[in-house]
Amino acid sequence: MDVLVTRERRGHVYLLGLNRAAKRNAFNPAMFHDLARAYGEYEADTELRCAVVFAHGDHFTGGIDLAEYSTRFAQPGDPFPMAAGEIDPFGLRNHLTKPLVIAVHGISFTIAIEMLLAADVRIAARGTRFAQLEIARGLYPLGGATFRLVREAGWGNAMRYLLTGAEFGPDDALRLGLIQEIAEPGEHLTRAIEIAERIAKQAPLGVRATLKSARLFVEQGEPAAAAHVRDDMPAILDSEDFAEGVESFRERRPAVFRGR
């Protein structure tokens, strides 16, 4: 059986590669669930501190493989159910509590945009082609673009592309806040790994607390996020990582964090 999502451990970083290149990495149910399992593996492994998603071949993904998903869409219920041990790549049914970096290139349609919007840091190769095409197929975005792109880009900017299905490039993606950096083709993955490795060197407890606080603000607003800062602070201040951070500052050396 072909490996639909490759896995590679590189220190504390987990590299996940979409590997259905002959089909432009179009997502069929098997690849979607393999990626969800890979996310679950990353979440459960305490030695892994940051993940990077990229794609093998000439394109990140052409989107959902409608030929294989059409029967699921015709049935009642969730077409993207999560099994035990899986984490939703859309971050809608459940989500990672550790950081995720995504590097896209080539054709990066529909599900690619929604995966980017569910990630924390996003890098695109120059020449990447983006489009949210669902309305041209009789659908609408099912993975969060209808609200997350509005949050990132603003109402008018989001509707410009959600309601037309028009293509746009990395310069517009950067302007919209969909990505944070543009790199030359081939260097986009290198740059994503550099960012992931830098994240992985930081205090894991602090990283996860930062993500939790930021997500709480997005989901429940500033008062809820502010209240949980007070709740979460004692455990962070009592951690070995905080003590190491203070000691490394005094000794003028890089800190070595252990996540406890």
Protein backbone atom coordinates (compact mmCIF):
# COMPACT_ATOMS: atom_id res chain seq x y z
CA MET A 1 0.00 0.00 0.00
CA ASP A 2 1.29 3.46 -0.87
CA VAL A 3 2.22 5.73 2.02
CA LEU A 4 -0.26 8.59 1.72
CA VAL A 5 1.38 10.75 4.40
CA THR A 6 5.11 10.37 5.04
CA ARG A 7 6.50 10.84 8.52
CA GLU A 8 9.99 11.94 9.53
CA ARG A 9 11.28 12.80 12.98
CA ARG A 10 13.97 15.49 12.98
CA GLY A 11 14.89 16.07 16.59
CA HIS A 12 11.81 17.55 18.26
CA VAL A 13 10.20 18.37 14.87
CA TYR A 14 7.77 16.07 13.03
CA LEU A 15 7.70 16.38 9.24
CA LEU A 16 4.48 15.22 7.56
CA GLY A 17 4.41 15.01 3.76
CA LEU A 18 1.30 14.63 1.59
CA ASN A 19 2.20 11.82 -0.78
CA ARG A 20 -0.45 11.32 -3.47
CA ALA A 21 1.48 13.29 -6.06
CA ALA A 22 0.09 11.40 -9.08
CA LYS A 23 -3.33 12.85 -8.15
CA ARG A 24 -1.99 16.33 -7.31
CA ASN A 25 -2.26 15.26 -3.67
CA ALA A 26 -6.04 15.38 -3.89
CA PHE A 27 -7.53 14.25 -0.59
CA ASN A 28 -9.46 11.02 -0.64
CA PRO A 29 -10.82 9.63 2.66
CA ALA A 30 -7.77 7.40 3.16
CA MET A 31 -5.32 10.33 2.92
CA PHE A 32 -7.47 12.58 5.10
CA HIS A 33 -7.58 9.96 7.87
CA ASP A 34 -3.88 9.16 7.53
CA LEU A 35 -3.09 12.85 8.04
CA ALA A 36 -5.51 12.94 10.99
CA ARG A 37 -3.70 9.94 12.49
CA ALA A 38 -0.35 11.65 11.95
CA TYR A 39 -1.66 14.73 13.77
CA GLY A 40 -2.77 12.44 16.60
CA GLU A 41 0.68 10.83 16.75
CA TYR A 42 2.27 14.25 17.00
CA GLU A 43 -0.15 15.36 19.71
CA ALA A 44 0.49 12.26 21.82
CA ASP A 45 4.30 12.20 21.58
CA THR A 46 5.84 14.31 24.34
CA GLU A 47 9.21 14.42 22.55
CA LEU A 48 7.70 16.20 19.52
CA ARG A 49 7.35 19.95 19.96
CA CYS A 50 6.46 21.28 16.50
CA ALA A 51 5.12 19.75 13.28
CA VAL A 52 5.55 20.80 9.66
CA VAL A 53 3.12 19.77 6.92
CA PHE A 54 4.35 19.91 3.32
CA ALA A 55 3.69 18.03 0.09
CA HIS A 56 5.68 15.79 -2.21
CA GLY A 57 5.45 16.44 -5.95
CA ASP A 58 4.67 19.59 -7.91
CA HIS A 59 1.60 20.70 -5.95
CA PHE A 60 0.47 20.92 -2.34
CA THR A 61 -3.06 19.73 -3.12
CA GLY A 62 -5.74 20.16 -5.76
CA GLY A 63 -8.33 19.85 -2.98
CA ILE A 64 -10.86 17.15 -2.17
CA ASP A 65 -11.07 14.17 -4.52
CA LEU A 66 -14.76 14.65 -5.36
CA ALA A 67 -14.99 11.34 -7.19
CA GLU A 68 -14.21 9.53 -3.93
CA TYR A 69 -15.97 11.91 -1.55
CA SER A 70 -19.23 12.36 -3.49
CA THR A 71 -20.85 9.30 -1.92
CA ARG A 72 -19.97 10.55 1.56
CA PHE A 73 -21.40 13.98 0.78
CA ALA A 74 -24.63 12.32 -0.34
CA GLN A 75 -25.06 10.56 3.01
CA PRO A 76 -26.37 12.18 6.20
CA GLY A 77 -23.90 13.05 8.89
CA ASP A 78 -20.36 14.37 9.02
CA PRO A 79 -18.33 13.52 5.88
CA PHE A 80 -15.11 14.01 7.88
CA PRO A 81 -15.65 11.96 11.06
CA MET A 82 -12.76 11.53 13.46
CA ALA A 83 -11.76 8.10 14.74
CA ALA A 84 -10.05 7.46 18.07
CA GLY A 85 -6.54 8.87 18.10
CA GLU A 86 -7.15 11.24 15.17
CA ILE A 87 -6.92 15.04 15.22
CA ASP A 88 -8.98 16.99 12.69
CA PRO A 89 -6.71 18.75 10.14
CA PHE A 90 -9.40 21.44 9.95
CA GLY A 91 -9.30 21.92 13.72
CA LEU A 92 -13.10 21.92 13.92
CA ARG A 93 -13.99 18.65 15.66
CA ASN A 94 -10.86 18.67 17.84
CA HIS A 95 -7.54 20.44 17.47
CA LEU A 96 -3.85 20.26 18.23
CA THR A 97 -2.52 21.82 21.42
CA LYS A 98 1.02 22.05 19.98
CA PRO A 99 2.24 24.30 17.14
CA LEU A 100 1.84 23.50 13.46
CA VAL A 101 3.70 25.08 10.52
CA ILE A 102 2.52 24.50 6.92
CA ALA A 103 4.56 24.98 3.74
CA VAL A 104 2.57 25.12 0.49
CA HIS A 105 3.54 25.31 -3.18
CA GLY A 106 2.07 24.85 -6.64
CA ILE A 107 -1.68 24.31 -6.72
CA SER A 108 -3.04 24.86 -3.20
CA PHE A 109 -6.81 24.81 -3.54
CA THR A 110 -9.78 24.47 -1.15
CA ILE A 111 -8.66 22.13 1.64
CA ALA A 112 -5.17 23.65 1.42
CA ILE A 113 -6.53 27.07 2.40
CA GLU A 114 -8.56 25.58 5.23
CA MET A 115 -5.57 23.62 6.54
CA LEU A 116 -3.54 26.84 6.45
CA LEU A 117 -6.23 28.69 8.38
CA ALA A 118 -6.17 25.96 11.05
CA ALA A 119 -2.36 26.13 11.37
CA ASP A 120 -0.20 28.55 13.33
CA VAL A 121 2.50 29.67 10.87
CA ARG A 122 2.17 29.43 7.07
CA ILE A 123 4.81 29.69 4.36
CA ALA A 124 4.16 29.71 0.60
CA ALA A 125 6.49 29.28 -2.34
CA ARG A 126 6.52 32.03 -4.91
CA GLY A 127 4.12 31.06 -7.69
CA THR A 128 1.69 29.19 -5.44
CA ARG A 129 -1.88 29.21 -6.77
CA PHE A 130 -4.69 29.57 -4.23
CA ALA A 131 -8.46 29.23 -4.75
CA GLN A 132 -11.51 28.35 -2.65
CA LEU A 133 -13.45 26.67 -5.43
CA GLU A 134 -16.31 24.92 -3.64
CA ILE A 135 -19.08 27.18 -4.92
CA ALA A 136 -18.07 26.33 -8.49
CA ARG A 137 -18.72 22.65 -7.63
CA GLY A 138 -22.11 23.16 -6.00
CA LEU A 139 -20.66 23.10 -2.48
CA TYR A 140 -19.48 25.65 0.02
CA PRO A 141 -16.32 25.53 2.18
CA LEU A 142 -16.80 22.86 4.86
CA GLY A 143 -13.47 23.17 6.67
CA GLY A 144 -13.69 26.59 8.30
CA ALA A 145 -12.87 29.09 5.54
CA THR A 146 -16.29 30.76 5.81
CA PHE A 147 -15.38 32.17 9.23
CA ARG A 148 -11.61 31.87 9.57
CA LEU A 149 -10.83 33.70 6.34
CA VAL A 150 -13.23 36.45 7.47
CA ARG A 151 -11.31 36.62 10.77
CA GLU A 152 -7.91 36.78 9.05
CA ALA A 153 -8.69 38.94 6.02
CA GLY A 154 -11.84 40.92 6.89
CA TRP A 155 -15.32 40.56 5.43
CA GLY A 156 -14.87 42.14 2.02
CA ASN A 157 -11.51 40.54 1.33
CA ALA A 158 -12.84 37.11 2.30
CA MET A 159 -16.04 37.42 0.29
CA ARG A 160 -14.04 38.53 -2.75
CA TYR A 161 -12.65 35.00 -2.99
CA LEU A 162 -15.23 32.86 -1.17
CA LEU A 163 -18.08 34.05 -3.40
CA THR A 164 -16.22 34.03 -6.70
CA GLY A 165 -13.89 31.04 -6.44
CA ALA A 166 -11.26 33.22 -8.13
CA GLU A 167 -7.60 32.31 -8.00
CA PHE A 168 -5.06 34.45 -6.19
CA GLY A 169 -1.31 34.29 -5.68
CA PRO A 170 1.07 34.46 -2.73
CA ASP A 171 1.32 38.26 -2.76
CA ASP A 172 -2.43 38.52 -2.21
CA ALA A 173 -2.29 35.65 0.31
CA LEU A 174 0.33 37.60 2.28
CA ARG A 175 -1.76 40.77 2.12
CA LEU A 176 -4.81 38.86 3.36
CA GLY A 177 -2.93 37.30 6.28
CA LEU A 178 -3.40 33.78 4.93
CA ILE A 179 0.39 33.29 4.92
CA GLN A 180 3.20 34.95 6.82
CA GLU A 181 6.10 34.59 4.37
CA ILE A 182 6.87 33.95 0.70
CA ALA A 183 9.97 31.94 -0.19
CA GLU A 184 11.47 30.76 -3.44
CA PRO A 185 10.24 27.34 -4.62
CA GLY A 186 12.19 24.64 -2.82
CA GLU A 187 13.21 27.05 -0.09
CA HIS A 188 9.69 27.31 1.35
CA LEU A 189 10.05 23.97 3.14
CA THR A 190 13.52 24.88 4.38
CA ARG A 191 12.12 28.08 5.81
CA ALA A 192 9.19 26.27 7.45
CA ILE A 193 11.58 23.80 9.09
CA GLU A 194 13.78 26.66 10.33
CA ILE A 195 10.76 28.24 12.01
CA ALA A 196 9.65 24.90 13.46
CA GLU A 197 13.11 24.19 14.85
CA ARG A 198 13.21 27.60 16.49
CA ILE A 199 9.79 26.98 18.04
CA ALA A 200 10.99 23.57 19.25
CA LYS A 201 13.86 25.22 21.15
CA GLN A 202 11.47 27.30 23.25
CA ALA A 203 9.90 26.18 26.53
CA PRO A 204 7.23 23.59 25.59
CA LEU A 205 4.95 24.44 28.50
CA GLY A 206 5.09 28.12 27.61
CA VAL A 207 4.47 27.39 23.93
CA ARG A 208 1.38 25.32 24.67
CA ALA A 209 0.11 27.88 27.18
CA THR A 210 0.56 30.61 24.57
CA LEU A 211 -1.47 28.66 21.99
CA LYS A 212 -4.15 27.89 24.57
CA SER A 213 -4.46 31.53 25.59
CA ALA A 214 -4.58 32.81 22.01
CA ARG A 215 -7.15 30.20 20.98
CA LEU A 216 -9.29 31.01 24.00
CA PHE A 217 -9.29 34.68 22.97
CA VAL A 218 -10.41 33.80 19.44
CA GLU A 219 -13.13 31.44 20.64
CA GLN A 220 -14.41 33.15 23.79
CA GLY A 221 -13.05 36.69 23.83
CA GLU A 222 -10.65 38.74 25.91
CA PRO A 223 -12.26 38.34 29.38
CA ALA A 224 -12.07 34.53 29.17
CA ALA A 225 -8.49 34.62 27.93
CA ALA A 226 -7.49 37.10 30.66
CA ALA A 227 -9.06 34.93 33.37
CA HIS A 228 -7.16 31.86 32.24
CA VAL A 229 -3.83 33.71 32.28
CA ARG A 230 -4.28 33.98 36.04
CA ASP A 231 -5.31 30.31 36.24
CA ASP A 232 -2.41 29.00 34.17
CA MET A 233 0.35 31.23 35.51
CA PRO A 234 1.15 29.36 38.80
CA ALA A 235 1.99 26.08 37.03
CA ILE A 236 4.26 27.87 34.56
CA LEU A 237 6.08 29.81 37.28
CA ASP A 238 6.56 26.57 39.25
CA SER A 239 7.96 24.65 36.26
CA GLU A 240 11.51 23.40 35.75
CA ASP A 241 11.48 25.17 32.38
CA PHE A 242 10.93 28.55 34.01
CA ALA A 243 13.75 27.88 36.47
CA GLU A 244 15.99 26.89 33.54
CA GLY A 245 15.01 30.06 31.67
CA VAL A 246 16.01 32.24 34.62
CA GLU A 247 19.26 30.30 35.18
CA SER A 248 20.24 30.47 31.51
CA PHE A 249 19.62 34.22 31.55
CA ARG A 250 21.90 34.61 34.56
CA GLU A 251 24.57 32.42 32.98
CA ARG A 252 24.25 34.09 29.56
CA ARG A 253 23.73 30.80 27.69
CA PRO A 254 20.96 29.26 25.60
CA ALA A 255 18.30 27.56 27.66
CA VAL A 256 17.74 23.82 27.40
CA PHE A 257 14.07 23.15 28.05
CA ARG A 258 12.65 19.74 28.96
CA GLY A 259 8.92 20.43 28.98
CA ARG A 260 8.39 20.02 32.69
